[in-house]
Amino acid sequence: MEFDFERWQRLAQDDPQQFERNRQALIEAAIAGMPPEHQPRLRALQCRIDLERMRAKTALGAAVRLDAMMWERLLELREALLVLAGRQEPAGLARRPAAQILPFPKPD
């Protein structure tokens, strides 16, 4: 199925409520079409996307927020791939400060 940008743009301008209903239905159909084990994670991601959109004051602000979210995930994926390839230590281990181990006396 091909995405008709002009149709969606007209709908958003002429009937924003119907646009939102159609958008929600399309998202739900896409998630429902995924394997059941992936659906909870996809629903959580969509919830976060919707919250970021609501927090933004403008459509451009929402786009900026979502762009930042995507770049954050992309950089996390890049780091994971470098760790798997053995070219980088896991960030969690690299950032941990050295800890002093305290001896505890054995209970009598």
C-alpha atoms as a PDB file:
ATOM      1  CA  MET A   1       0.000   0.000   0.000  1.00  0.00           C
ATOM      2  CA  GLU A   2       1.395   3.374  -1.032  1.00  0.00           C
ATOM      3  CA  PHE A   3       1.224   6.355   1.329  1.00  0.00           C
ATOM      4  CA  ASP A   4      -0.771   9.263  -0.157  1.00  0.00           C
ATOM      5  CA  PHE A   5       0.810  12.292   1.496  1.00  0.00           C
ATOM      6  CA  GLU A   6      -1.449  14.843  -0.187  1.00  0.00           C
ATOM      7  CA  ARG A   7      -4.588  13.002   0.954  1.00  0.00           C
ATOM      8  CA  TRP A   8      -3.358  12.860   4.549  1.00  0.00           C
ATOM      9  CA  GLN A   9      -2.304  16.511   4.403  1.00  0.00           C
ATOM     10  CA  ARG A  10      -5.754  17.585   3.169  1.00  0.00           C
ATOM     11  CA  LEU A  11      -7.440  15.504   5.843  1.00  0.00           C
ATOM     12  CA  ALA A  12      -5.249  17.056   8.554  1.00  0.00           C
ATOM     13  CA  GLN A  13      -6.178  20.548   7.348  1.00  0.00           C
ATOM     14  CA  ASP A  14      -9.888  19.923   6.659  1.00  0.00           C
ATOM     15  CA  ASP A  15     -10.809  17.526   9.483  1.00  0.00           C
ATOM     16  CA  PRO A  16      -8.120  17.205  12.182  1.00  0.00           C
ATOM     17  CA  GLN A  17     -10.289  14.926  14.317  1.00  0.00           C
ATOM     18  CA  GLN A  18     -10.816  12.448  11.484  1.00  0.00           C
ATOM     19  CA  PHE A  19      -7.111  12.676  10.663  1.00  0.00           C
ATOM     20  CA  GLU A  20      -6.297  11.697  14.257  1.00  0.00           C
ATOM     21  CA  ARG A  21      -8.779   8.799  14.214  1.00  0.00           C
ATOM     22  CA  ASN A  22      -7.308   7.530  10.938  1.00  0.00           C
ATOM     23  CA  ARG A  23      -3.777   7.956  12.253  1.00  0.00           C
ATOM     24  CA  GLN A  24      -4.592   5.975  15.397  1.00  0.00           C
ATOM     25  CA  ALA A  25      -6.281   3.219  13.363  1.00  0.00           C
ATOM     26  CA  LEU A  26      -3.294   2.945  11.024  1.00  0.00           C
ATOM     27  CA  ILE A  27      -0.862   2.739  13.933  1.00  0.00           C
ATOM     28  CA  GLU A  28      -3.018   0.128  15.677  1.00  0.00           C
ATOM     29  CA  ALA A  29      -3.214  -1.947  12.499  1.00  0.00           C
ATOM     30  CA  ALA A  30       0.560  -1.783  12.060  1.00  0.00           C
ATOM     31  CA  ILE A  31       1.173  -2.910  15.648  1.00  0.00           C
ATOM     32  CA  ALA A  32      -1.494  -5.632  15.436  1.00  0.00           C
ATOM     33  CA  GLY A  33       0.226  -6.952  12.312  1.00  0.00           C
ATOM     34  CA  MET A  34       3.447  -7.606  14.217  1.00  0.00           C
ATOM     35  CA  PRO A  35       4.255 -10.830  16.075  1.00  0.00           C
ATOM     36  CA  PRO A  36       2.515 -10.894  19.479  1.00  0.00           C
ATOM     37  CA  GLU A  37       5.806 -10.950  21.391  1.00  0.00           C
ATOM     38  CA  HIS A  38       6.766  -7.558  19.880  1.00  0.00           C
ATOM     39  CA  GLN A  39       3.434  -5.822  20.389  1.00  0.00           C
ATOM     40  CA  PRO A  40       3.884  -4.736  24.041  1.00  0.00           C
ATOM     41  CA  ARG A  41       7.197  -3.052  23.260  1.00  0.00           C
ATOM     42  CA  LEU A  42       5.734  -1.379  20.166  1.00  0.00           C
ATOM     43  CA  ARG A  43       2.736  -0.125  22.165  1.00  0.00           C
ATOM     44  CA  ALA A  44       5.085   1.277  24.811  1.00  0.00           C
ATOM     45  CA  LEU A  45       7.132   3.009  22.111  1.00  0.00           C
ATOM     46  CA  GLN A  46       3.986   4.466  20.541  1.00  0.00           C
ATOM     47  CA  CYS A  47       2.875   5.696  23.955  1.00  0.00           C
ATOM     48  CA  ARG A  48       6.209   7.473  24.394  1.00  0.00           C
ATOM     49  CA  ILE A  49       5.908   8.978  20.909  1.00  0.00           C
ATOM     50  CA  ASP A  50       2.395  10.223  21.685  1.00  0.00           C
ATOM     51  CA  LEU A  51       3.568  11.730  24.980  1.00  0.00           C
ATOM     52  CA  GLU A  52       6.438  13.531  23.265  1.00  0.00           C
ATOM     53  CA  ARG A  53       3.998  14.894  20.672  1.00  0.00           C
ATOM     54  CA  MET A  54       1.671  16.130  23.419  1.00  0.00           C
ATOM     55  CA  ARG A  55       4.524  17.800  25.310  1.00  0.00           C
ATOM     56  CA  ALA A  56       5.544  19.780  22.243  1.00  0.00           C
ATOM     57  CA  LYS A  57       3.835  23.103  21.672  1.00  0.00           C
ATOM     58  CA  THR A  58       4.013  22.923  17.880  1.00  0.00           C
ATOM     59  CA  ALA A  59       4.228  20.293  15.162  1.00  0.00           C
ATOM     60  CA  LEU A  60       7.815  21.386  14.506  1.00  0.00           C
ATOM     61  CA  GLY A  61       8.598  21.001  18.202  1.00  0.00           C
ATOM     62  CA  ALA A  62       7.168  17.487  18.104  1.00  0.00           C
ATOM     63  CA  ALA A  63       9.276  16.653  15.064  1.00  0.00           C
ATOM     64  CA  VAL A  64      12.419  17.919  16.836  1.00  0.00           C
ATOM     65  CA  ARG A  65      11.615  15.838  19.925  1.00  0.00           C
ATOM     66  CA  LEU A  66      11.003  12.695  17.882  1.00  0.00           C
ATOM     67  CA  ASP A  67      14.165  13.302  15.854  1.00  0.00           C
ATOM     68  CA  ALA A  68      16.179  13.491  19.077  1.00  0.00           C
ATOM     69  CA  MET A  69      14.522  10.309  20.325  1.00  0.00           C
ATOM     70  CA  MET A  70      15.424   8.457  17.121  1.00  0.00           C
ATOM     71  CA  TRP A  71      19.049   9.642  17.225  1.00  0.00           C
ATOM     72  CA  GLU A  72      19.320   8.535  20.857  1.00  0.00           C
ATOM     73  CA  ARG A  73      18.149   5.022  19.949  1.00  0.00           C
ATOM     74  CA  LEU A  74      20.382   4.905  16.872  1.00  0.00           C
ATOM     75  CA  LEU A  75      23.447   5.798  18.945  1.00  0.00           C
ATOM     76  CA  GLU A  76      22.515   3.128  21.512  1.00  0.00           C
ATOM     77  CA  LEU A  77      22.242   0.575  18.709  1.00  0.00           C
ATOM     78  CA  ARG A  78      25.612   1.675  17.297  1.00  0.00           C
ATOM     79  CA  GLU A  79      27.213   1.267  20.713  1.00  0.00           C
ATOM     80  CA  ALA A  80      25.685  -2.202  21.116  1.00  0.00           C
ATOM     81  CA  LEU A  81      27.016  -3.259  17.709  1.00  0.00           C
ATOM     82  CA  LEU A  82      30.513  -1.995  18.569  1.00  0.00           C
ATOM     83  CA  VAL A  83      30.420  -3.938  21.832  1.00  0.00           C
ATOM     84  CA  LEU A  84      29.326  -7.095  19.996  1.00  0.00           C
ATOM     85  CA  ALA A  85      32.103  -6.613  17.460  1.00  0.00           C
ATOM     86  CA  GLY A  86      34.613  -6.337  20.315  1.00  0.00           C
ATOM     87  CA  ARG A  87      35.648  -2.833  19.312  1.00  0.00           C
ATOM     88  CA  GLN A  88      34.326  -1.099  22.431  1.00  0.00           C
ATOM     89  CA  GLU A  89      33.641  -1.867  26.096  1.00  0.00           C
ATOM     90  CA  PRO A  90      30.046  -1.671  27.262  1.00  0.00           C
ATOM     91  CA  ALA A  91      29.358   1.896  28.350  1.00  0.00           C
ATOM     92  CA  GLY A  92      27.860   0.745  31.626  1.00  0.00           C
ATOM     93  CA  LEU A  93      31.130  -0.945  32.588  1.00  0.00           C
ATOM     94  CA  ALA A  94      33.346   1.838  31.318  1.00  0.00           C
ATOM     95  CA  ARG A  95      31.546   4.507  33.348  1.00  0.00           C
ATOM     96  CA  ARG A  96      31.461   2.660  36.671  1.00  0.00           C
ATOM     97  CA  PRO A  97      33.826   4.103  39.231  1.00  0.00           C
ATOM     98  CA  ALA A  98      36.144   1.705  41.001  1.00  0.00           C
ATOM     99  CA  ALA A  99      34.587   0.529  44.241  1.00  0.00           C
ATOM    100  CA  GLN A 100      36.274  -0.302  47.485  1.00  0.00           C
ATOM    101  CA  ILE A 101      35.154  -3.675  48.796  1.00  0.00           C
ATOM    102  CA  LEU A 102      34.485  -3.534  52.497  1.00  0.00           C
ATOM    103  CA  PRO A 103      35.109  -6.604  54.613  1.00  0.00           C
ATOM    104  CA  PHE A 104      32.278  -7.577  56.930  1.00  0.00           C
ATOM    105  CA  PRO A 105      33.012  -9.593  60.033  1.00  0.00           C
ATOM    106  CA  LYS A 106      31.485 -13.063  60.128  1.00  0.00           C
ATOM    107  CA  PRO A 107      28.631 -13.323  62.563  1.00  0.00           C
ATOM    108  CA  ASP A 108      29.439 -15.315  65.689  1.00  0.00           C
END
